[in-house]
Amino acid sequence: VMIDTLLKHRALAAQLDLLGRYGLQPG
């Protein structure tokens, strides 16, 4: 069920733009 929750909210999490907010690079 934890993976189910992750998949359900994956698109919403992507909209947070945490990489841009903190100046991070993928990986």
mmCIF file of all heavy atoms, coordinates in Angstrom:
data_MODEL
# 
_entry.id   MODEL 
# 
loop_
_atom_site.group_PDB 
_atom_site.id 
_atom_site.type_symbol 
_atom_site.label_atom_id 
_atom_site.label_alt_id 
_atom_site.label_comp_id 
_atom_site.label_asym_id 
_atom_site.label_entity_id 
_atom_site.label_seq_id 
_atom_site.pdbx_PDB_ins_code 
_atom_site.Cartn_x 
_atom_site.Cartn_y 
_atom_site.Cartn_z 
_atom_site.occupancy 
_atom_site.B_iso_or_equiv 
_atom_site.pdbx_formal_charge 
_atom_site.auth_seq_id 
_atom_site.auth_comp_id 
_atom_site.auth_asym_id 
_atom_site.auth_atom_id 
_atom_site.pdbx_PDB_model_num 
ATOM 1   N N   . VAL A 1 1  ? 0.822  -1.212 0.000   1.00 0.00 ? 1  VAL A N   1 
ATOM 2   C CA  . VAL A 1 1  ? 0.000  0.000  0.000   1.00 0.00 ? 1  VAL A CA  1 
ATOM 3   C C   . VAL A 1 1  ? 0.857  1.263  0.000   1.00 0.00 ? 1  VAL A C   1 
ATOM 4   O O   . VAL A 1 1  ? 0.408  2.333  -0.428  1.00 0.00 ? 1  VAL A O   1 
ATOM 5   C CB  . VAL A 1 1  ? -0.965 0.021  1.202   1.00 0.00 ? 1  VAL A CB  1 
ATOM 6   C CG1 . VAL A 1 1  ? -2.000 -1.086 1.080   1.00 0.00 ? 1  VAL A CG1 1 
ATOM 7   C CG2 . VAL A 1 1  ? -0.206 -0.092 2.519   1.00 0.00 ? 1  VAL A CG2 1 
ATOM 8   N N   . MET A 1 2  ? 2.089  1.170  0.487   1.00 0.00 ? 2  MET A N   1 
ATOM 9   C CA  . MET A 1 2  ? 2.973  2.325  0.449   1.00 0.00 ? 2  MET A CA  1 
ATOM 10  C C   . MET A 1 2  ? 3.357  2.672  -0.992  1.00 0.00 ? 2  MET A C   1 
ATOM 11  O O   . MET A 1 2  ? 3.443  3.848  -1.361  1.00 0.00 ? 2  MET A O   1 
ATOM 12  C CB  . MET A 1 2  ? 4.236  2.054  1.271   1.00 0.00 ? 2  MET A CB  1 
ATOM 13  C CG  . MET A 1 2  ? 3.964  1.835  2.747   1.00 0.00 ? 2  MET A CG  1 
ATOM 14  S SD  . MET A 1 2  ? 3.204  3.275  3.540   1.00 0.00 ? 2  MET A SD  1 
ATOM 15  C CE  . MET A 1 2  ? 4.557  4.425  3.499   1.00 0.00 ? 2  MET A CE  1 
ATOM 16  N N   . ILE A 1 3  ? 3.574  1.658  -1.807  1.00 0.00 ? 3  ILE A N   1 
ATOM 17  C CA  . ILE A 1 3  ? 3.866  1.902  -3.223  1.00 0.00 ? 3  ILE A CA  1 
ATOM 18  C C   . ILE A 1 3  ? 2.633  2.449  -3.923  1.00 0.00 ? 3  ILE A C   1 
ATOM 19  O O   . ILE A 1 3  ? 2.725  3.346  -4.777  1.00 0.00 ? 3  ILE A O   1 
ATOM 20  C CB  . ILE A 1 3  ? 4.346  0.606  -3.908  1.00 0.00 ? 3  ILE A CB  1 
ATOM 21  C CG1 . ILE A 1 3  ? 5.638  0.100  -3.240  1.00 0.00 ? 3  ILE A CG1 1 
ATOM 22  C CG2 . ILE A 1 3  ? 4.568  0.841  -5.397  1.00 0.00 ? 3  ILE A CG2 1 
ATOM 23  C CD1 . ILE A 1 3  ? 6.786  1.081  -3.290  1.00 0.00 ? 3  ILE A CD1 1 
ATOM 24  N N   . ASP A 1 4  ? 1.459  1.941  -3.564  1.00 0.00 ? 4  ASP A N   1 
ATOM 25  C CA  . ASP A 1 4  ? 0.212  2.477  -4.124  1.00 0.00 ? 4  ASP A CA  1 
ATOM 26  C C   . ASP A 1 4  ? 0.093  3.969  -3.825  1.00 0.00 ? 4  ASP A C   1 
ATOM 27  O O   . ASP A 1 4  ? -0.281 4.771  -4.689  1.00 0.00 ? 4  ASP A O   1 
ATOM 28  C CB  . ASP A 1 4  ? -1.000 1.737  -3.545  1.00 0.00 ? 4  ASP A CB  1 
ATOM 29  C CG  . ASP A 1 4  ? -1.061 0.284  -3.962  1.00 0.00 ? 4  ASP A CG  1 
ATOM 30  O OD1 . ASP A 1 4  ? -0.434 -0.060 -4.971  1.00 0.00 ? 4  ASP A OD1 1 
ATOM 31  O OD2 . ASP A 1 4  ? -1.737 -0.497 -3.274  1.00 0.00 ? 4  ASP A OD2 1 
ATOM 32  N N   . THR A 1 5  ? 0.411  4.343  -2.591  1.00 0.00 ? 5  THR A N   1 
ATOM 33  C CA  . THR A 1 5  ? 0.350  5.754  -2.197  1.00 0.00 ? 5  THR A CA  1 
ATOM 34  C C   . THR A 1 5  ? 1.366  6.580  -2.972  1.00 0.00 ? 5  THR A C   1 
ATOM 35  O O   . THR A 1 5  ? 1.070  7.695  -3.425  1.00 0.00 ? 5  THR A O   1 
ATOM 36  C CB  . THR A 1 5  ? 0.618  5.889  -0.681  1.00 0.00 ? 5  THR A CB  1 
ATOM 37  O OG1 . THR A 1 5  ? -0.339 5.109  0.032   1.00 0.00 ? 5  THR A OG1 1 
ATOM 38  C CG2 . THR A 1 5  ? 0.513  7.333  -0.237  1.00 0.00 ? 5  THR A CG2 1 
ATOM 39  N N   . LEU A 1 6  ? 2.569  6.046  -3.133  1.00 0.00 ? 6  LEU A N   1 
ATOM 40  C CA  . LEU A 1 6  ? 3.610  6.740  -3.890  1.00 0.00 ? 6  LEU A CA  1 
ATOM 41  C C   . LEU A 1 6  ? 3.161  7.017  -5.318  1.00 0.00 ? 6  LEU A C   1 
ATOM 42  O O   . LEU A 1 6  ? 3.280  8.144  -5.822  1.00 0.00 ? 6  LEU A O   1 
ATOM 43  C CB  . LEU A 1 6  ? 4.890  5.902  -3.896  1.00 0.00 ? 6  LEU A CB  1 
ATOM 44  C CG  . LEU A 1 6  ? 6.012  6.383  -4.814  1.00 0.00 ? 6  LEU A CG  1 
ATOM 45  C CD1 . LEU A 1 6  ? 6.536  7.740  -4.363  1.00 0.00 ? 6  LEU A CD1 1 
ATOM 46  C CD2 . LEU A 1 6  ? 7.152  5.366  -4.856  1.00 0.00 ? 6  LEU A CD2 1 
ATOM 47  N N   . LEU A 1 7  ? 2.619  6.006  -5.972  1.00 0.00 ? 7  LEU A N   1 
ATOM 48  C CA  . LEU A 1 7  ? 2.187  6.169  -7.359  1.00 0.00 ? 7  LEU A CA  1 
ATOM 49  C C   . LEU A 1 7  ? 1.020  7.145  -7.472  1.00 0.00 ? 7  LEU A C   1 
ATOM 50  O O   . LEU A 1 7  ? 0.949  7.947  -8.408  1.00 0.00 ? 7  LEU A O   1 
ATOM 51  C CB  . LEU A 1 7  ? 1.802  4.804  -7.942  1.00 0.00 ? 7  LEU A CB  1 
ATOM 52  C CG  . LEU A 1 7  ? 2.950  3.794  -8.077  1.00 0.00 ? 7  LEU A CG  1 
ATOM 53  C CD1 . LEU A 1 7  ? 2.421  2.448  -8.571  1.00 0.00 ? 7  LEU A CD1 1 
ATOM 54  C CD2 . LEU A 1 7  ? 4.032  4.318  -9.014  1.00 0.00 ? 7  LEU A CD2 1 
ATOM 55  N N   . LYS A 1 8  ? 0.126  7.101  -6.503  1.00 0.00 ? 8  LYS A N   1 
ATOM 56  C CA  . LYS A 1 8  ? -1.035 7.996  -6.538  1.00 0.00 ? 8  LYS A CA  1 
ATOM 57  C C   . LYS A 1 8  ? -0.619 9.455  -6.451  1.00 0.00 ? 8  LYS A C   1 
ATOM 58  O O   . LYS A 1 8  ? -1.229 10.329 -7.083  1.00 0.00 ? 8  LYS A O   1 
ATOM 59  C CB  . LYS A 1 8  ? -1.983 7.649  -5.389  1.00 0.00 ? 8  LYS A CB  1 
ATOM 60  C CG  . LYS A 1 8  ? -3.221 8.538  -5.340  1.00 0.00 ? 8  LYS A CG  1 
ATOM 61  C CD  . LYS A 1 8  ? -4.169 8.126  -4.217  1.00 0.00 ? 8  LYS A CD  1 
ATOM 62  C CE  . LYS A 1 8  ? -5.400 9.031  -4.181  1.00 0.00 ? 8  LYS A CE  1 
ATOM 63  N NZ  . LYS A 1 8  ? -6.346 8.634  -3.107  1.00 0.00 ? 8  LYS A NZ  1 
ATOM 64  N N   . HIS A 1 9  ? 0.422  9.739  -5.675  1.00 0.00 ? 9  HIS A N   1 
ATOM 65  C CA  . HIS A 1 9  ? 0.821  11.125 -5.426  1.00 0.00 ? 9  HIS A CA  1 
ATOM 66  C C   . HIS A 1 9  ? 2.076  11.534 -6.193  1.00 0.00 ? 9  HIS A C   1 
ATOM 67  O O   . HIS A 1 9  ? 2.611  12.625 -5.965  1.00 0.00 ? 9  HIS A O   1 
ATOM 68  C CB  . HIS A 1 9  ? 1.049  11.333 -3.933  1.00 0.00 ? 9  HIS A CB  1 
ATOM 69  C CG  . HIS A 1 9  ? -0.196 11.176 -3.112  1.00 0.00 ? 9  HIS A CG  1 
ATOM 70  N ND1 . HIS A 1 9  ? -1.189 12.129 -3.079  1.00 0.00 ? 9  HIS A ND1 1 
ATOM 71  C CD2 . HIS A 1 9  ? -0.620 10.167 -2.317  1.00 0.00 ? 9  HIS A CD2 1 
ATOM 72  C CE1 . HIS A 1 9  ? -2.175 11.717 -2.289  1.00 0.00 ? 9  HIS A CE1 1 
ATOM 73  N NE2 . HIS A 1 9  ? -1.848 10.535 -1.816  1.00 0.00 ? 9  HIS A NE2 1 
ATOM 74  N N   . ARG A 1 10 ? 2.529  10.689 -7.094  1.00 0.00 ? 10 ARG A N   1 
ATOM 75  C CA  . ARG A 1 10 ? 3.774  10.975 -7.816  1.00 0.00 ? 10 ARG A CA  1 
ATOM 76  C C   . ARG A 1 10 ? 3.672  12.260 -8.637  1.00 0.00 ? 10 ARG A C   1 
ATOM 77  O O   . ARG A 1 10 ? 4.581  13.098 -8.619  1.00 0.00 ? 10 ARG A O   1 
ATOM 78  C CB  . ARG A 1 10 ? 4.123  9.792  -8.723  1.00 0.00 ? 10 ARG A CB  1 
ATOM 79  C CG  . ARG A 1 10 ? 5.464  9.893  -9.393  1.00 0.00 ? 10 ARG A CG  1 
ATOM 80  C CD  . ARG A 1 10 ? 5.800  8.624  -10.144 1.00 0.00 ? 10 ARG A CD  1 
ATOM 81  N NE  . ARG A 1 10 ? 7.116  8.682  -10.747 1.00 0.00 ? 10 ARG A NE  1 
ATOM 82  C CZ  . ARG A 1 10 ? 7.666  7.696  -11.442 1.00 0.00 ? 10 ARG A CZ  1 
ATOM 83  N NH1 . ARG A 1 10 ? 6.997  6.553  -11.572 1.00 0.00 ? 10 ARG A NH1 1 
ATOM 84  N NH2 . ARG A 1 10 ? 8.862  7.827  -11.964 1.00 0.00 ? 10 ARG A NH2 1 
ATOM 85  N N   . ALA A 1 11 ? 2.565  12.434 -9.352  1.00 0.00 ? 11 ALA A N   1 
ATOM 86  C CA  . ALA A 1 11 ? 2.397  13.633 -10.180 1.00 0.00 ? 11 ALA A CA  1 
ATOM 87  C C   . ALA A 1 11 ? 2.349  14.896 -9.312  1.00 0.00 ? 11 ALA A C   1 
ATOM 88  O O   . ALA A 1 11 ? 2.931  15.931 -9.660  1.00 0.00 ? 11 ALA A O   1 
ATOM 89  C CB  . ALA A 1 11 ? 1.141  13.515 -11.030 1.00 0.00 ? 11 ALA A CB  1 
ATOM 90  N N   . LEU A 1 12 ? 1.665  14.813 -8.173  1.00 0.00 ? 12 LEU A N   1 
ATOM 91  C CA  . LEU A 1 12 ? 1.575  15.956 -7.275  1.00 0.00 ? 12 LEU A CA  1 
ATOM 92  C C   . LEU A 1 12 ? 2.949  16.317 -6.721  1.00 0.00 ? 12 LEU A C   1 
ATOM 93  O O   . LEU A 1 12 ? 3.302  17.503 -6.619  1.00 0.00 ? 12 LEU A O   1 
ATOM 94  C CB  . LEU A 1 12 ? 0.612  15.644 -6.132  1.00 0.00 ? 12 LEU A CB  1 
ATOM 95  C CG  . LEU A 1 12 ? 0.400  16.740 -5.090  1.00 0.00 ? 12 LEU A CG  1 
ATOM 96  C CD1 . LEU A 1 12 ? -0.211 17.975 -5.733  1.00 0.00 ? 12 LEU A CD1 1 
ATOM 97  C CD2 . LEU A 1 12 ? -0.499 16.237 -3.965  1.00 0.00 ? 12 LEU A CD2 1 
ATOM 98  N N   . ALA A 1 13 ? 3.730  15.302 -6.364  1.00 0.00 ? 13 ALA A N   1 
ATOM 99  C CA  . ALA A 1 13 ? 5.072  15.544 -5.834  1.00 0.00 ? 13 ALA A CA  1 
ATOM 100 C C   . ALA A 1 13 ? 5.958  16.221 -6.876  1.00 0.00 ? 13 ALA A C   1 
ATOM 101 O O   . ALA A 1 13 ? 6.765  17.095 -6.549  1.00 0.00 ? 13 ALA A O   1 
ATOM 102 C CB  . ALA A 1 13 ? 5.700  14.227 -5.374  1.00 0.00 ? 13 ALA A CB  1 
ATOM 103 N N   . ALA A 1 14 ? 5.798  15.836 -8.136  1.00 0.00 ? 14 ALA A N   1 
ATOM 104 C CA  . ALA A 1 14 ? 6.611  16.423 -9.197  1.00 0.00 ? 14 ALA A CA  1 
ATOM 105 C C   . ALA A 1 14 ? 6.342  17.909 -9.359  1.00 0.00 ? 14 ALA A C   1 
ATOM 106 O O   . ALA A 1 14 ? 7.216  18.671 -9.799  1.00 0.00 ? 14 ALA A O   1 
ATOM 107 C CB  . ALA A 1 14 ? 6.361  15.685 -10.512 1.00 0.00 ? 14 ALA A CB  1 
ATOM 108 N N   . GLN A 1 15 ? 5.154  18.357 -9.015  1.00 0.00 ? 15 GLN A N   1 
ATOM 109 C CA  . GLN A 1 15 ? 4.787  19.768 -9.156  1.00 0.00 ? 15 GLN A CA  1 
ATOM 110 C C   . GLN A 1 15 ? 5.425  20.652 -8.086  1.00 0.00 ? 15 GLN A C   1 
ATOM 111 O O   . GLN A 1 15 ? 5.384  21.879 -8.188  1.00 0.00 ? 15 GLN A O   1 
ATOM 112 C CB  . GLN A 1 15 ? 3.265  19.911 -9.089  1.00 0.00 ? 15 GLN A CB  1 
ATOM 113 C CG  . GLN A 1 15 ? 2.527  19.242 -10.230 1.00 0.00 ? 15 GLN A CG  1 
ATOM 114 C CD  . GLN A 1 15 ? 1.014  19.290 -10.063 1.00 0.00 ? 15 GLN A CD  1 
ATOM 115 O OE1 . GLN A 1 15 ? 0.494  20.028 -9.220  1.00 0.00 ? 15 GLN A OE1 1 
ATOM 116 N NE2 . GLN A 1 15 ? 0.306  18.500 -10.844 1.00 0.00 ? 15 GLN A NE2 1 
ATOM 117 N N   . LEU A 1 16 ? 6.017  20.061 -7.045  1.00 0.00 ? 16 LEU A N   1 
ATOM 118 C CA  . LEU A 1 16 ? 6.619  20.857 -5.981  1.00 0.00 ? 16 LEU A CA  1 
ATOM 119 C C   . LEU A 1 16 ? 7.882  21.573 -6.433  1.00 0.00 ? 16 LEU A C   1 
ATOM 120 O O   . LEU A 1 16 ? 8.302  22.552 -5.816  1.00 0.00 ? 16 LEU A O   1 
ATOM 121 C CB  . LEU A 1 16 ? 6.946  19.960 -4.781  1.00 0.00 ? 16 LEU A CB  1 
ATOM 122 C CG  . LEU A 1 16 ? 5.759  19.336 -4.051  1.00 0.00 ? 16 LEU A CG  1 
ATOM 123 C CD1 . LEU A 1 16 ? 6.249  18.360 -2.984  1.00 0.00 ? 16 LEU A CD1 1 
ATOM 124 C CD2 . LEU A 1 16 ? 4.906  20.421 -3.398  1.00 0.00 ? 16 LEU A CD2 1 
ATOM 125 N N   . ASP A 1 17 ? 8.519  21.097 -7.503  1.00 0.00 ? 17 ASP A N   1 
ATOM 126 C CA  . ASP A 1 17 ? 9.738  21.699 -8.044  1.00 0.00 ? 17 ASP A CA  1 
ATOM 127 C C   . ASP A 1 17 ? 10.789 21.901 -6.955  1.00 0.00 ? 17 ASP A C   1 
ATOM 128 O O   . ASP A 1 17 ? 11.352 22.990 -6.793  1.00 0.00 ? 17 ASP A O   1 
ATOM 129 C CB  . ASP A 1 17 ? 9.434  23.036 -8.728  1.00 0.00 ? 17 ASP A CB  1 
ATOM 130 C CG  . ASP A 1 17 ? 10.665 23.582 -9.468  1.00 0.00 ? 17 ASP A CG  1 
ATOM 131 O OD1 . ASP A 1 17 ? 11.489 22.768 -9.924  1.00 0.00 ? 17 ASP A OD1 1 
ATOM 132 O OD2 . ASP A 1 17 ? 10.797 24.817 -9.540  1.00 0.00 ? 17 ASP A OD2 1 
ATOM 133 N N   . LEU A 1 18 ? 11.058 20.851 -6.201  1.00 0.00 ? 18 LEU A N   1 
ATOM 134 C CA  . LEU A 1 18 ? 12.047 20.957 -5.139  1.00 0.00 ? 18 LEU A CA  1 
ATOM 135 C C   . LEU A 1 18 ? 13.458 21.147 -5.677  1.00 0.00 ? 18 LEU A C   1 
ATOM 136 O O   . LEU A 1 18 ? 14.297 21.778 -5.023  1.00 0.00 ? 18 LEU A O   1 
ATOM 137 C CB  . LEU A 1 18 ? 11.980 19.710 -4.254  1.00 0.00 ? 18 LEU A CB  1 
ATOM 138 C CG  . LEU A 1 18 ? 10.664 19.524 -3.496  1.00 0.00 ? 18 LEU A CG  1 
ATOM 139 C CD1 . LEU A 1 18 ? 10.687 18.232 -2.697  1.00 0.00 ? 18 LEU A CD1 1 
ATOM 140 C CD2 . LEU A 1 18 ? 10.405 20.701 -2.567  1.00 0.00 ? 18 LEU A CD2 1 
ATOM 141 N N   . LEU A 1 19 ? 13.722 20.617 -6.865  1.00 0.00 ? 19 LEU A N   1 
ATOM 142 C CA  . LEU A 1 19 ? 15.050 20.797 -7.447  1.00 0.00 ? 19 LEU A CA  1 
ATOM 143 C C   . LEU A 1 19 ? 15.321 22.278 -7.699  1.00 0.00 ? 19 LEU A C   1 
ATOM 144 O O   . LEU A 1 19 ? 16.379 22.799 -7.340  1.00 0.00 ? 19 LEU A O   1 
ATOM 145 C CB  . LEU A 1 19 ? 15.172 19.995 -8.753  1.00 0.00 ? 19 LEU A CB  1 
ATOM 146 C CG  . LEU A 1 19 ? 15.044 18.476 -8.644  1.00 0.00 ? 19 LEU A CG  1 
ATOM 147 C CD1 . LEU A 1 19 ? 15.257 17.831 -10.003 1.00 0.00 ? 19 LEU A CD1 1 
ATOM 148 C CD2 . LEU A 1 19 ? 16.051 17.920 -7.647  1.00 0.00 ? 19 LEU A CD2 1 
ATOM 149 N N   . GLY A 1 20 ? 14.333 22.939 -8.295  1.00 0.00 ? 20 GLY A N   1 
ATOM 150 C CA  . GLY A 1 20 ? 14.504 24.358 -8.563  1.00 0.00 ? 20 GLY A CA  1 
ATOM 151 C C   . GLY A 1 20 ? 14.532 25.182 -7.293  1.00 0.00 ? 20 GLY A C   1 
ATOM 152 O O   . GLY A 1 20 ? 15.293 26.145 -7.169  1.00 0.00 ? 20 GLY A O   1 
ATOM 153 N N   . ARG A 1 21 ? 13.714 24.795 -6.312  1.00 0.00 ? 21 ARG A N   1 
ATOM 154 C CA  . ARG A 1 21 ? 13.621 25.562 -5.064  1.00 0.00 ? 21 ARG A CA  1 
ATOM 155 C C   . ARG A 1 21 ? 14.948 25.558 -4.307  1.00 0.00 ? 21 ARG A C   1 
ATOM 156 O O   . ARG A 1 21 ? 15.324 26.553 -3.686  1.00 0.00 ? 21 ARG A O   1 
ATOM 157 C CB  . ARG A 1 21 ? 12.513 24.981 -4.194  1.00 0.00 ? 21 ARG A CB  1 
ATOM 158 C CG  . ARG A 1 21 ? 12.274 25.743 -2.900  1.00 0.00 ? 21 ARG A CG  1 
ATOM 159 C CD  . ARG A 1 21 ? 11.174 25.120 -2.073  1.00 0.00 ? 21 ARG A CD  1 
ATOM 160 N NE  . ARG A 1 21 ? 9.910  25.036 -2.791  1.00 0.00 ? 21 ARG A NE  1 
ATOM 161 C CZ  . ARG A 1 21 ? 8.778  24.583 -2.253  1.00 0.00 ? 21 ARG A CZ  1 
ATOM 162 N NH1 . ARG A 1 21 ? 8.760  24.171 -0.990  1.00 0.00 ? 21 ARG A NH1 1 
ATOM 163 N NH2 . ARG A 1 21 ? 7.674  24.526 -2.963  1.00 0.00 ? 21 ARG A NH2 1 
ATOM 164 N N   . TYR A 1 22 ? 15.659 24.442 -4.355  1.00 0.00 ? 22 TYR A N   1 
ATOM 165 C CA  . TYR A 1 22 ? 16.897 24.329 -3.596  1.00 0.00 ? 22 TYR A CA  1 
ATOM 166 C C   . TYR A 1 22 ? 18.148 24.328 -4.467  1.00 0.00 ? 22 TYR A C   1 
ATOM 167 O O   . TYR A 1 22 ? 19.253 24.112 -3.974  1.00 0.00 ? 22 TYR A O   1 
ATOM 168 C CB  . TYR A 1 22 ? 16.866 23.055 -2.748  1.00 0.00 ? 22 TYR A CB  1 
ATOM 169 C CG  . TYR A 1 22 ? 15.795 23.070 -1.691  1.00 0.00 ? 22 TYR A CG  1 
ATOM 170 C CD1 . TYR A 1 22 ? 14.774 22.130 -1.694  1.00 0.00 ? 22 TYR A CD1 1 
ATOM 171 C CD2 . TYR A 1 22 ? 15.804 24.035 -0.691  1.00 0.00 ? 22 TYR A CD2 1 
ATOM 172 C CE1 . TYR A 1 22 ? 13.786 22.149 -0.723  1.00 0.00 ? 22 TYR A CE1 1 
ATOM 173 C CE2 . TYR A 1 22 ? 14.815 24.059 0.284   1.00 0.00 ? 22 TYR A CE2 1 
ATOM 174 C CZ  . TYR A 1 22 ? 13.816 23.117 0.266   1.00 0.00 ? 22 TYR A CZ  1 
ATOM 175 O OH  . TYR A 1 22 ? 12.843 23.139 1.216   1.00 0.00 ? 22 TYR A OH  1 
ATOM 176 N N   . GLY A 1 23 ? 17.980 24.556 -5.770  1.00 0.00 ? 23 GLY A N   1 
ATOM 177 C CA  . GLY A 1 23 ? 19.133 24.595 -6.655  1.00 0.00 ? 23 GLY A CA  1 
ATOM 178 C C   . GLY A 1 23 ? 19.833 23.259 -6.787  1.00 0.00 ? 23 GLY A C   1 
ATOM 179 O O   . GLY A 1 23 ? 21.065 23.197 -6.892  1.00 0.00 ? 23 GLY A O   1 
ATOM 180 N N   . LEU A 1 24 ? 19.067 22.188 -6.801  1.00 0.00 ? 24 LEU A N   1 
ATOM 181 C CA  . LEU A 1 24 ? 19.624 20.841 -6.896  1.00 0.00 ? 24 LEU A CA  1 
ATOM 182 C C   . LEU A 1 24 ? 19.633 20.341 -8.330  1.00 0.00 ? 24 LEU A C   1 
ATOM 183 O O   . LEU A 1 24 ? 18.858 20.808 -9.175  1.00 0.00 ? 24 LEU A O   1 
ATOM 184 C CB  . LEU A 1 24 ? 18.808 19.885 -6.018  1.00 0.00 ? 24 LEU A CB  1 
ATOM 185 C CG  . LEU A 1 24 ? 18.745 20.222 -4.527  1.00 0.00 ? 24 LEU A CG  1 
ATOM 186 C CD1 . LEU A 1 24 ? 17.733 19.337 -3.836  1.00 0.00 ? 24 LEU A CD1 1 
ATOM 187 C CD2 . LEU A 1 24 ? 20.116 20.077 -3.880  1.00 0.00 ? 24 LEU A CD2 1 
ATOM 188 N N   . GLN A 1 25 ? 20.482 19.360 -8.575  1.00 0.00 ? 25 GLN A N   1 
ATOM 189 C CA  . GLN A 1 25 ? 20.562 18.733 -9.883  1.00 0.00 ? 25 GLN A CA  1 
ATOM 190 C C   . GLN A 1 25 ? 20.067 17.294 -9.797  1.00 0.00 ? 25 GLN A C   1 
ATOM 191 O O   . GLN A 1 25 ? 20.336 16.607 -8.795  1.00 0.00 ? 25 GLN A O   1 
ATOM 192 C CB  . GLN A 1 25 ? 22.008 18.743 -10.405 1.00 0.00 ? 25 GLN A CB  1 
ATOM 193 C CG  . GLN A 1 25 ? 22.594 20.127 -10.604 1.00 0.00 ? 25 GLN A CG  1 
ATOM 194 C CD  . GLN A 1 25 ? 21.834 20.932 -11.645 1.00 0.00 ? 25 GLN A CD  1 
ATOM 195 O OE1 . GLN A 1 25 ? 21.434 20.375 -12.671 1.00 0.00 ? 25 GLN A OE1 1 
ATOM 196 N NE2 . GLN A 1 25 ? 21.633 22.214 -11.386 1.00 0.00 ? 25 GLN A NE2 1 
ATOM 197 N N   . PRO A 1 26 ? 19.346 16.808 -10.804 1.00 0.00 ? 26 PRO A N   1 
ATOM 198 C CA  . PRO A 1 26 ? 18.902 15.408 -10.780 1.00 0.00 ? 26 PRO A CA  1 
ATOM 199 C C   . PRO A 1 26 ? 20.086 14.466 -10.585 1.00 0.00 ? 26 PRO A C   1 
ATOM 200 O O   . PRO A 1 26 ? 21.104 14.586 -11.260 1.00 0.00 ? 26 PRO A O   1 
ATOM 201 C CB  . PRO A 1 26 ? 18.258 15.221 -12.167 1.00 0.00 ? 26 PRO A CB  1 
ATOM 202 C CG  . PRO A 1 26 ? 17.833 16.600 -12.564 1.00 0.00 ? 26 PRO A CG  1 
ATOM 203 C CD  . PRO A 1 26 ? 18.880 17.526 -12.013 1.00 0.00 ? 26 PRO A CD  1 
ATOM 204 N N   . GLY A 1 27 ? 19.980 13.571 -9.636  1.00 0.00 ? 27 GLY A N   1 
ATOM 205 C CA  . GLY A 1 27 ? 21.061 12.639 -9.352  1.00 0.00 ? 27 GLY A CA  1 
ATOM 206 C C   . GLY A 1 27 ? 22.196 13.241 -8.551  1.00 0.00 ? 27 GLY A C   1 
ATOM 207 O O   . GLY A 1 27 ? 23.188 12.554 -8.270  1.00 0.00 ? 27 GLY A O   1 
# 
